[in-house]
Amino acid sequence: MVAFTIFWFSIYRYGIFYAISFILWYFWLSRVGKKEWFKNYPKVQYFLTEGLEDFLLTIALWVVLGWRLGHVLIYWNWYYFSHPTEIFEVWKWWMSFIWGILGVVICLFSFLLYKKVSFKDIVILFDIVLVFVPFWILLWRLGNYLNQELYWIAITELPTQLAQFLNSLWLAHVYPQIDKIQRVNTNFLSMALEWLLILVSQIILLTRMVKKWEYRVWQLSTSFLLYYSIIRFFLEYLRADSQMEYIGFCTKSQRFFIIFIIIALVLKFYFNSKKDFYLSLTKTKECLK
């Protein structure tokens, strides 16, 4: 939805939120770079300082491309094959978070391998980036709410006690662009769970590692993937929009989240058992501040 127009140029809400998120991301990553925790790992330190702009630009590009292409391929079947020019109209319709993440992972790995970054350093960078992703999700869900998107099931379809509980938390909302029915406001519910809960867990995990001066590679990435997938899997049961297409007991999205949960658990247990993925952090005056 358009936020405002300057002459003939429209500024969209999602565009504003993307810009804000990447500005905040820049400050987060540059702060980690200034702390010099990873001074012993020159490639990691480089992309958190001098190479930060190139690093973030690559993320920004493939977030948009991955999200859009994922939505085109998963949810709209053959529509875009007969309307190919609409694929590039990213201001229309929705984007796929699942494929946005996959697009970023694949392309960042390719970019960093091209820059001759080791596998271990690549994973460290992913870990650090994913700490801040919950803020990005917060802005994304706020955009969903303001645009009256991703509407959910009617509050009357829930058990009475659960409906009363959600009402007491102001989690019931009428989406006027859809109908006049009071529905579960899972835009706000998603903000609380996908943003606050995951962010707090990530910060706690990172803080513990910093206090011990021992960094466990893959722990932040796998924790994010695990928590986000579990939360999204259960929230999908509250969706009532056009993307809810059940096959058995799962929607299209839920099938991906089951796979992600399994991948996260396997990687978490595997790397926990590998002592060479326990790295020592650098103690400097800057990082102690």
Protein backbone atom coordinates (compact mmCIF):
# COMPACT_ATOMS: atom_id res chain seq x y z
CA MET A 1 0.00 0.00 0.00
CA VAL A 2 1.21 3.51 -0.83
CA ALA A 3 2.36 5.55 2.17
CA PHE A 4 2.68 8.83 0.26
CA THR A 5 3.45 10.18 -3.21
CA ILE A 6 6.15 12.64 -4.28
CA PHE A 7 5.09 14.12 -7.63
CA TRP A 8 4.39 10.98 -9.71
CA PHE A 9 6.59 8.66 -7.60
CA SER A 10 4.81 6.47 -5.03
CA ILE A 11 6.52 5.48 -1.79
CA TYR A 12 5.22 2.17 -0.41
CA ARG A 13 5.03 1.22 3.24
CA TYR A 14 7.04 -1.94 2.73
CA GLY A 15 9.75 0.08 1.00
CA ILE A 16 9.98 2.36 4.03
CA PHE A 17 10.12 -0.60 6.43
CA TYR A 18 12.79 -2.36 4.35
CA ALA A 19 14.89 0.80 4.38
CA ILE A 20 14.51 1.20 8.16
CA SER A 21 15.38 -2.45 8.77
CA PHE A 22 18.58 -2.29 6.71
CA ILE A 23 19.63 0.96 8.39
CA LEU A 24 19.17 -0.69 11.79
CA TRP A 25 20.97 -3.78 10.50
CA TYR A 26 23.89 -1.60 9.46
CA PHE A 27 24.21 -0.11 12.93
CA TRP A 28 23.95 -3.54 14.58
CA LEU A 29 26.63 -5.16 12.41
CA SER A 30 28.94 -2.15 12.61
CA ARG A 31 28.61 -2.20 16.41
CA VAL A 32 29.60 -5.88 16.49
CA GLY A 33 32.54 -4.99 14.23
CA LYS A 34 33.65 -2.24 16.61
CA LYS A 35 33.51 -4.67 19.54
CA GLU A 36 36.24 -6.69 17.76
CA TRP A 37 34.99 -10.00 19.19
CA PHE A 38 36.09 -11.69 15.97
CA LYS A 39 39.44 -9.97 15.58
CA ASN A 40 41.10 -13.41 15.34
CA TYR A 41 39.00 -14.10 12.23
CA PRO A 42 40.09 -11.43 9.71
CA LYS A 43 37.47 -12.21 7.02
CA VAL A 44 34.63 -11.97 9.52
CA GLN A 45 36.02 -8.75 10.95
CA TYR A 46 36.43 -7.32 7.42
CA PHE A 47 32.77 -7.83 6.49
CA LEU A 48 31.73 -6.26 9.78
CA THR A 49 33.82 -3.15 9.10
CA GLU A 50 35.33 -2.17 5.72
CA GLY A 51 33.29 -4.67 3.70
CA LEU A 52 30.01 -4.08 5.52
CA GLU A 53 28.37 -2.02 2.74
CA ASP A 54 28.97 -4.71 0.09
CA PHE A 55 27.79 -7.38 2.51
CA LEU A 56 24.51 -5.59 3.32
CA LEU A 57 23.86 -4.63 -0.30
CA THR A 58 24.06 -8.31 -1.28
CA ILE A 59 21.62 -9.21 1.51
CA ALA A 60 19.20 -6.44 0.50
CA LEU A 61 19.20 -7.47 -3.17
CA TRP A 62 18.56 -11.15 -2.54
CA VAL A 63 15.99 -10.58 0.19
CA VAL A 64 13.75 -8.82 -2.33
CA LEU A 65 14.49 -11.24 -5.19
CA GLY A 66 14.16 -14.34 -3.03
CA TRP A 67 10.91 -13.21 -1.41
CA ARG A 68 9.33 -12.28 -4.71
CA LEU A 69 10.42 -15.33 -6.71
CA GLY A 70 9.39 -17.62 -3.88
CA HIS A 71 5.90 -16.19 -3.87
CA VAL A 72 5.71 -16.50 -7.67
CA LEU A 73 6.86 -20.13 -7.67
CA ILE A 74 4.97 -21.44 -4.63
CA TYR A 75 1.64 -19.68 -4.41
CA TRP A 76 0.60 -18.52 -7.86
CA ASN A 77 1.19 -21.69 -9.86
CA TRP A 78 1.27 -20.85 -13.61
CA TYR A 79 -0.18 -17.32 -13.45
CA TYR A 80 3.14 -15.51 -13.94
CA PHE A 81 4.14 -17.65 -16.90
CA SER A 82 1.38 -15.94 -18.86
CA HIS A 83 2.06 -12.57 -17.16
CA PRO A 84 5.90 -12.53 -16.91
CA THR A 85 6.25 -8.75 -16.64
CA GLU A 86 4.28 -8.79 -13.36
CA ILE A 87 7.04 -10.83 -11.71
CA PHE A 88 9.04 -7.62 -11.37
CA GLU A 89 6.16 -5.63 -9.87
CA VAL A 90 7.33 -6.25 -6.31
CA TRP A 91 4.95 -3.61 -4.97
CA LYS A 92 2.01 -5.86 -5.89
CA TRP A 93 0.81 -8.92 -4.01
CA TRP A 94 2.93 -10.62 -1.38
CA MET A 95 6.34 -12.10 -0.92
CA SER A 96 7.47 -15.43 0.53
CA PHE A 97 9.55 -15.23 3.70
CA ILE A 98 10.61 -18.87 3.32
CA TRP A 99 12.13 -18.33 -0.10
CA GLY A 100 13.51 -14.97 0.93
CA ILE A 101 15.61 -16.74 3.57
CA LEU A 102 16.63 -19.49 1.13
CA GLY A 103 17.54 -16.91 -1.51
CA VAL A 104 19.72 -15.00 0.94
CA VAL A 105 21.41 -18.19 2.20
CA ILE A 106 22.24 -19.47 -1.29
CA CYS A 107 23.40 -16.16 -2.71
CA LEU A 108 25.35 -15.05 0.35
CA PHE A 109 27.17 -18.37 0.41
CA SER A 110 28.02 -17.86 -3.28
CA PHE A 111 29.10 -14.26 -2.69
CA LEU A 112 31.29 -15.11 0.31
CA LEU A 113 32.84 -18.14 -1.40
CA TYR A 114 33.67 -15.86 -4.33
CA LYS A 115 35.41 -13.60 -1.81
CA LYS A 116 37.34 -16.70 -0.60
CA VAL A 117 35.75 -16.76 2.84
CA SER A 118 36.00 -20.09 4.70
CA PHE A 119 32.90 -22.11 5.55
CA LYS A 120 33.34 -21.45 9.26
CA ASP A 121 33.61 -17.69 8.71
CA ILE A 122 30.50 -17.73 6.49
CA VAL A 123 28.49 -19.40 9.25
CA ILE A 124 29.72 -16.88 11.84
CA LEU A 125 28.48 -14.05 9.60
CA PHE A 126 25.11 -15.76 9.20
CA ASP A 127 24.85 -16.16 12.97
CA ILE A 128 25.49 -12.48 13.57
CA VAL A 129 23.07 -11.36 10.84
CA LEU A 130 20.27 -13.58 12.15
CA VAL A 131 20.42 -12.06 15.64
CA PHE A 132 18.82 -8.92 14.18
CA VAL A 133 16.31 -10.60 11.83
CA PRO A 134 13.49 -10.46 14.47
CA PHE A 135 13.48 -6.63 14.16
CA TRP A 136 13.02 -7.09 10.45
CA ILE A 137 10.11 -9.46 11.10
CA LEU A 138 8.56 -6.87 13.45
CA LEU A 139 8.50 -4.24 10.70
CA TRP A 140 7.26 -6.78 8.15
CA ARG A 141 4.33 -7.78 10.38
CA LEU A 142 3.55 -4.13 11.09
CA GLY A 143 3.31 -3.66 7.32
CA ASN A 144 0.94 -6.64 7.10
CA TYR A 145 -1.25 -5.05 9.77
CA LEU A 146 -1.32 -1.56 8.23
CA ASN A 147 -2.08 -3.00 4.79
CA GLN A 148 -4.81 -5.23 6.28
CA GLU A 149 -3.11 -8.34 4.88
CA LEU A 150 -2.86 -11.94 6.06
CA TYR A 151 -6.25 -11.99 7.71
CA TRP A 152 -7.04 -14.78 10.09
CA ILE A 153 -9.91 -16.95 11.27
CA ALA A 154 -12.99 -15.47 12.94
CA ILE A 155 -12.72 -15.22 16.70
CA THR A 156 -16.04 -17.11 16.98
CA GLU A 157 -14.43 -20.21 15.45
CA LEU A 158 -12.23 -20.63 18.50
CA PRO A 159 -13.17 -22.26 21.83
CA THR A 160 -14.98 -19.75 24.05
CA GLN A 161 -12.26 -19.50 26.71
CA LEU A 162 -9.53 -19.02 24.12
CA ALA A 163 -11.59 -16.37 22.34
CA GLN A 164 -12.14 -14.51 25.62
CA PHE A 165 -8.42 -14.73 26.43
CA LEU A 166 -7.44 -13.25 23.04
CA ASN A 167 -10.03 -10.51 23.46
CA SER A 168 -8.55 -9.63 26.85
CA LEU A 169 -5.16 -9.17 25.16
CA TRP A 170 -6.68 -6.98 22.40
CA LEU A 171 -5.82 -9.67 19.87
CA ALA A 172 -9.19 -9.52 18.12
CA HIS A 173 -9.47 -7.20 15.13
CA VAL A 174 -11.83 -6.34 12.28
CA TYR A 175 -10.15 -6.23 8.86
CA PRO A 176 -12.41 -3.73 7.05
CA GLN A 177 -10.94 -4.50 3.63
CA ILE A 178 -12.01 -8.14 4.07
CA ASP A 179 -15.32 -8.04 5.97
CA LYS A 180 -16.85 -6.86 9.23
CA ILE A 181 -16.11 -10.05 11.15
CA GLN A 182 -13.93 -9.87 14.26
CA ARG A 183 -10.88 -12.02 13.56
CA VAL A 184 -7.77 -13.13 15.44
CA ASN A 185 -5.16 -10.40 15.14
CA THR A 186 -2.20 -12.66 14.54
CA ASN A 187 -0.29 -9.80 13.00
CA PHE A 188 0.23 -8.59 16.57
CA LEU A 189 0.52 -12.15 17.87
CA SER A 190 3.26 -12.77 15.30
CA MET A 191 5.03 -9.58 16.38
CA ALA A 192 5.12 -10.80 19.97
CA LEU A 193 6.29 -14.33 19.19
CA GLU A 194 8.39 -13.96 16.02
CA TRP A 195 9.96 -10.70 17.17
CA LEU A 196 10.18 -10.46 20.94
CA LEU A 197 10.45 -14.13 21.91
CA ILE A 198 13.04 -15.01 19.26
CA LEU A 199 15.01 -11.78 19.79
CA VAL A 200 15.25 -12.32 23.55
CA SER A 201 16.35 -15.94 23.10
CA GLN A 202 18.99 -14.95 20.55
CA ILE A 203 20.38 -12.14 22.72
CA ILE A 204 20.50 -14.43 25.77
CA LEU A 205 22.39 -17.08 23.78
CA LEU A 206 24.85 -14.54 22.35
CA THR A 207 25.37 -12.92 25.77
CA ARG A 208 26.19 -16.27 27.37
CA MET A 209 28.77 -17.01 24.69
CA VAL A 210 30.38 -13.57 25.04
CA LYS A 211 30.58 -13.89 28.83
CA LYS A 212 32.37 -17.24 28.42
CA TRP A 213 34.50 -15.84 25.57
CA GLU A 214 33.60 -19.00 23.67
CA TYR A 215 31.60 -18.72 20.47
CA ARG A 216 29.67 -21.78 19.28
CA VAL A 217 29.33 -21.73 15.51
CA TRP A 218 25.84 -22.46 14.09
CA GLN A 219 24.07 -22.08 17.44
CA LEU A 220 22.44 -18.73 16.65
CA SER A 221 21.45 -19.75 13.11
CA THR A 222 19.98 -23.09 14.10
CA SER A 223 18.17 -21.60 17.11
CA PHE A 224 16.58 -18.93 14.92
CA LEU A 225 15.52 -21.50 12.31
CA LEU A 226 14.11 -23.83 14.97
CA TYR A 227 12.16 -21.23 16.98
CA TYR A 228 10.82 -19.40 13.94
CA SER A 229 9.70 -22.60 12.23
CA ILE A 230 7.88 -23.90 15.33
CA ILE A 231 6.11 -20.57 15.88
CA ARG A 232 5.10 -20.22 12.22
CA PHE A 233 3.94 -23.83 12.03
CA PHE A 234 1.36 -23.32 14.79
CA LEU A 235 0.35 -19.81 13.69
CA GLU A 236 -0.52 -21.19 10.26
CA TYR A 237 -3.54 -22.91 11.81
CA LEU A 238 -5.02 -19.46 12.47
CA ARG A 239 -4.72 -18.27 8.88
CA ALA A 240 -7.86 -17.92 6.79
CA ASP A 241 -6.60 -16.14 3.67
CA SER A 242 -6.21 -17.49 0.15
CA GLN A 243 -2.85 -19.14 0.91
CA MET A 244 -4.37 -21.66 3.26
CA GLU A 245 -4.38 -24.76 1.09
CA TYR A 246 -4.32 -27.90 3.17
CA ILE A 247 -2.91 -31.20 1.99
CA GLY A 248 -3.59 -33.60 4.83
CA PHE A 249 -2.98 -31.63 8.02
CA CYS A 250 -0.45 -29.17 6.55
CA THR A 251 -0.53 -26.04 4.43
CA LYS A 252 2.12 -25.44 1.78
CA SER A 253 4.08 -23.32 4.23
CA GLN A 254 3.83 -25.82 7.07
CA ARG A 255 5.48 -28.53 4.97
CA PHE A 256 8.53 -26.28 4.64
CA PHE A 257 8.55 -25.53 8.36
CA ILE A 258 8.55 -29.25 9.23
CA ILE A 259 11.63 -29.66 7.00
CA PHE A 260 13.27 -26.60 8.60
CA ILE A 261 12.63 -27.94 12.13
CA ILE A 262 14.30 -31.24 11.24
CA ILE A 263 17.26 -29.47 9.58
CA ALA A 264 17.70 -27.16 12.60
CA LEU A 265 17.69 -30.03 15.09
CA VAL A 266 20.11 -32.15 13.05
CA LEU A 267 22.55 -29.25 12.59
CA LYS A 268 22.28 -28.18 16.24
CA PHE A 269 23.11 -31.65 17.59
CA TYR A 270 25.80 -32.27 14.99
CA PHE A 271 27.74 -29.05 15.59
CA ASN A 272 27.32 -29.32 19.36
CA SER A 273 29.37 -32.49 19.13
CA LYS A 274 32.15 -30.86 17.09
CA LYS A 275 34.70 -29.18 19.35
CA ASP A 276 36.43 -27.45 16.43
CA PHE A 277 33.28 -25.32 16.05
CA TYR A 278 33.82 -23.87 19.54
CA LEU A 279 35.83 -20.70 18.91
CA SER A 280 37.53 -18.36 21.34
CA LEU A 281 36.52 -14.70 21.20
CA THR A 282 39.05 -11.88 21.37
CA LYS A 283 39.20 -9.83 24.56
CA THR A 284 39.96 -6.19 23.79
CA LYS A 285 39.27 -2.95 25.60
CA GLU A 286 36.58 -2.12 23.06
CA CYS A 287 34.65 -5.37 23.45
CA LEU A 288 34.62 -5.02 27.26
CA LYS A 289 32.74 -1.73 27.10
